[in-house]
C-alpha atoms as a PDB file:
ATOM      1  CA  UNK A   1      -0.014   0.129  -0.041  1.00  0.00           C
ATOM      2  CA  UNK A   2       1.179   3.381  -1.096  1.00  0.00           C
ATOM      3  CA  UNK A   3       1.353   6.605   1.565  1.00  0.00           C
ATOM      4  CA  UNK A   4      -1.001   8.306  -0.625  1.00  0.00           C
ATOM      5  CA  UNK A   5      -3.624   5.356  -0.454  1.00  0.00           C
ATOM      6  CA  UNK A   6      -3.952   5.638   2.991  1.00  0.00           C
ATOM      7  CA  UNK A   7      -6.663   7.811   4.348  1.00  0.00           C
ATOM      8  CA  UNK A   8      -7.066   9.418   8.005  1.00  0.00           C
ATOM      9  CA  UNK A   9      -9.774   7.752  10.352  1.00  0.00           C
ATOM     10  CA  UNK A  10     -13.105   9.228  10.478  1.00  0.00           C
ATOM     11  CA  UNK A  11     -13.940  11.593  12.720  1.00  0.00           C
ATOM     12  CA  UNK A  12     -16.415  10.578  15.533  1.00  0.00           C
ATOM     13  CA  UNK A  13     -19.748  12.376  15.572  1.00  0.00           C
ATOM     14  CA  UNK A  14     -20.301  15.558  17.183  1.00  0.00           C
ATOM     15  CA  UNK A  15     -22.593  14.324  19.941  1.00  0.00           C
ATOM     16  CA  UNK A  16     -19.915  11.565  20.836  1.00  0.00           C
ATOM     17  CA  UNK A  17     -17.280  14.610  21.255  1.00  0.00           C
ATOM     18  CA  UNK A  18     -19.891  16.711  23.279  1.00  0.00           C
ATOM     19  CA  UNK A  19     -20.978  13.633  25.570  1.00  0.00           C
ATOM     20  CA  UNK A  20     -17.148  13.024  26.150  1.00  0.00           C
ATOM     21  CA  UNK A  21     -16.450  16.940  27.053  1.00  0.00           C
ATOM     22  CA  UNK A  22     -19.725  16.704  29.505  1.00  0.00           C
ATOM     23  CA  UNK A  23     -18.474  14.161  31.015  1.00  0.00           C
ATOM     24  CA  UNK A  24     -15.101  15.226  31.432  1.00  0.00           C
ATOM     25  CA  UNK A  25     -16.468  18.831  32.835  1.00  0.00           C
ATOM     26  CA  UNK A  26     -18.407  16.844  35.319  1.00  0.00           C
ATOM     27  CA  UNK A  27     -15.531  14.813  36.509  1.00  0.00           C
ATOM     28  CA  UNK A  28     -13.812  17.687  36.789  1.00  0.00           C
ATOM     29  CA  UNK A  29     -16.533  19.754  39.216  1.00  0.00           C
ATOM     30  CA  UNK A  30     -16.717  16.469  40.878  1.00  0.00           C
ATOM     31  CA  UNK A  31     -13.086  16.593  41.879  1.00  0.00           C
ATOM     32  CA  UNK A  32     -12.915  20.275  42.715  1.00  0.00           C
ATOM     33  CA  UNK A  33     -16.255  19.586  44.828  1.00  0.00           C
ATOM     34  CA  UNK A  34     -14.424  16.688  46.659  1.00  0.00           C
ATOM     35  CA  UNK A  35     -11.334  18.452  47.349  1.00  0.00           C
ATOM     36  CA  UNK A  36     -13.121  21.688  48.825  1.00  0.00           C
ATOM     37  CA  UNK A  37     -15.073  19.438  51.079  1.00  0.00           C
ATOM     38  CA  UNK A  38     -11.718  17.658  52.324  1.00  0.00           C
ATOM     39  CA  UNK A  39     -10.254  21.274  52.778  1.00  0.00           C
ATOM     40  CA  UNK A  40     -13.290  22.335  54.827  1.00  0.00           C
ATOM     41  CA  UNK A  41     -14.359  25.735  55.331  1.00  0.00           C
ATOM     42  CA  UNK A  42     -11.454  28.285  54.704  1.00  0.00           C
ATOM     43  CA  UNK A  43     -12.744  30.478  57.824  1.00  0.00           C
ATOM     44  CA  UNK A  44     -15.083  28.968  59.816  1.00  0.00           C
ATOM     45  CA  UNK A  45     -15.649  31.862  62.344  1.00  0.00           C
ATOM     46  CA  UNK A  46     -15.946  34.573  59.620  1.00  0.00           C
ATOM     47  CA  UNK A  47     -19.498  35.838  59.483  1.00  0.00           C
ATOM     48  CA  UNK A  48     -21.285  39.200  58.884  1.00  0.00           C
ATOM     49  CA  UNK A  49     -22.331  40.816  62.204  1.00  0.00           C
ATOM     50  CA  UNK A  50     -24.500  43.314  61.139  1.00  0.00           C
ATOM     51  CA  UNK A  51     -27.242  41.162  59.825  1.00  0.00           C
ATOM     52  CA  UNK A  52     -26.845  42.030  56.309  1.00  0.00           C
ATOM     53  CA  UNK A  53     -28.167  45.259  56.133  1.00  0.00           C
ATOM     54  CA  UNK A  54     -26.592  48.181  54.558  1.00  0.00           C
ATOM     55  CA  UNK A  55     -25.499  51.187  56.298  1.00  0.00           C
ATOM     56  CA  UNK A  56     -27.087  54.718  56.461  1.00  0.00           C
ATOM     57  CA  UNK A  57     -24.717  56.347  54.145  1.00  0.00           C
ATOM     58  CA  UNK A  58     -25.171  53.651  51.377  1.00  0.00           C
ATOM     59  CA  UNK A  59     -21.555  52.240  51.957  1.00  0.00           C
ATOM     60  CA  UNK A  60     -22.630  48.703  52.418  1.00  0.00           C
ATOM     61  CA  UNK A  61     -22.265  48.131  55.800  1.00  0.00           C
ATOM     62  CA  UNK A  62     -18.485  47.972  55.601  1.00  0.00           C
ATOM     63  CA  UNK A  63     -18.488  46.889  59.502  1.00  0.00           C
ATOM     64  CA  UNK A  64     -15.115  47.375  61.223  1.00  0.00           C
ATOM     65  CA  UNK A  65     -13.405  49.361  58.386  1.00  0.00           C
ATOM     66  CA  UNK A  66     -13.983  52.864  59.958  1.00  0.00           C
ATOM     67  CA  UNK A  67     -11.887  55.673  58.592  1.00  0.00           C
ATOM     68  CA  UNK A  68     -12.150  54.654  55.036  1.00  0.00           C
ATOM     69  CA  UNK A  69     -14.933  56.719  53.748  1.00  0.00           C
ATOM     70  CA  UNK A  70     -12.902  57.786  50.816  1.00  0.00           C
ATOM     71  CA  UNK A  71     -13.186  54.099  49.439  1.00  0.00           C
ATOM     72  CA  UNK A  72     -16.086  53.853  47.045  1.00  0.00           C
ATOM     73  CA  UNK A  73     -16.970  51.087  44.111  1.00  0.00           C
END
């Protein structure tokens, strides 16, 4: 058989590639979730103390960051 007579194998159907990609994506998300669950909470004692309300001046309840009034988003 000559080199010119060889043809490349046919490409797999698009849905097969899509299913493979979705399965790979699900496996990666599962591995990331398992790693996060094994690591535990990053800062277990960190929580809001103001009840989630914004401050009267509209800065969003900055908590203990007094003196930083010039910082705007």
